Amino acid sequence: MFVYDSSLLLDGSPFRVATSFLSASAGVILLGASLMGYFLAEARLWERAALFAGSVLLIHVGWVTDLVGLGLAALVALSQWPRAGTAARRRGAGAVPGA
């Protein structure tokens, strides 16, 4: 990822290094979610595509691409939010193991 910008190699101002690091980290998380098919809930095909596109945009350093990538992530999160609660209840989230 450092090929896109040297700030990922800690070369640059502290602000630029921090924002590049946070953006690239979020991109890697979205990339993992798109490949695994799970973000807040099981991802539909269009959600996986949006997560992948958002990850590529976040990994590429630039504030415009970051905003579009975060927008795609927010769109998927809003789409999955209602399903996330029902999936957690089906799994029995919050139950104490062995109780």
Foldseek 3Di string as FASTA:
>chain_A
DCVLDVLCVVPDDPVLVVQLVVLLVQLVVLLVCLVVQHDLHRHDPVLSVLSNQLSVLSNRDDPVSSVSSVVSVVVSCVVCVVVSVVVCVVVVPPDDPPD
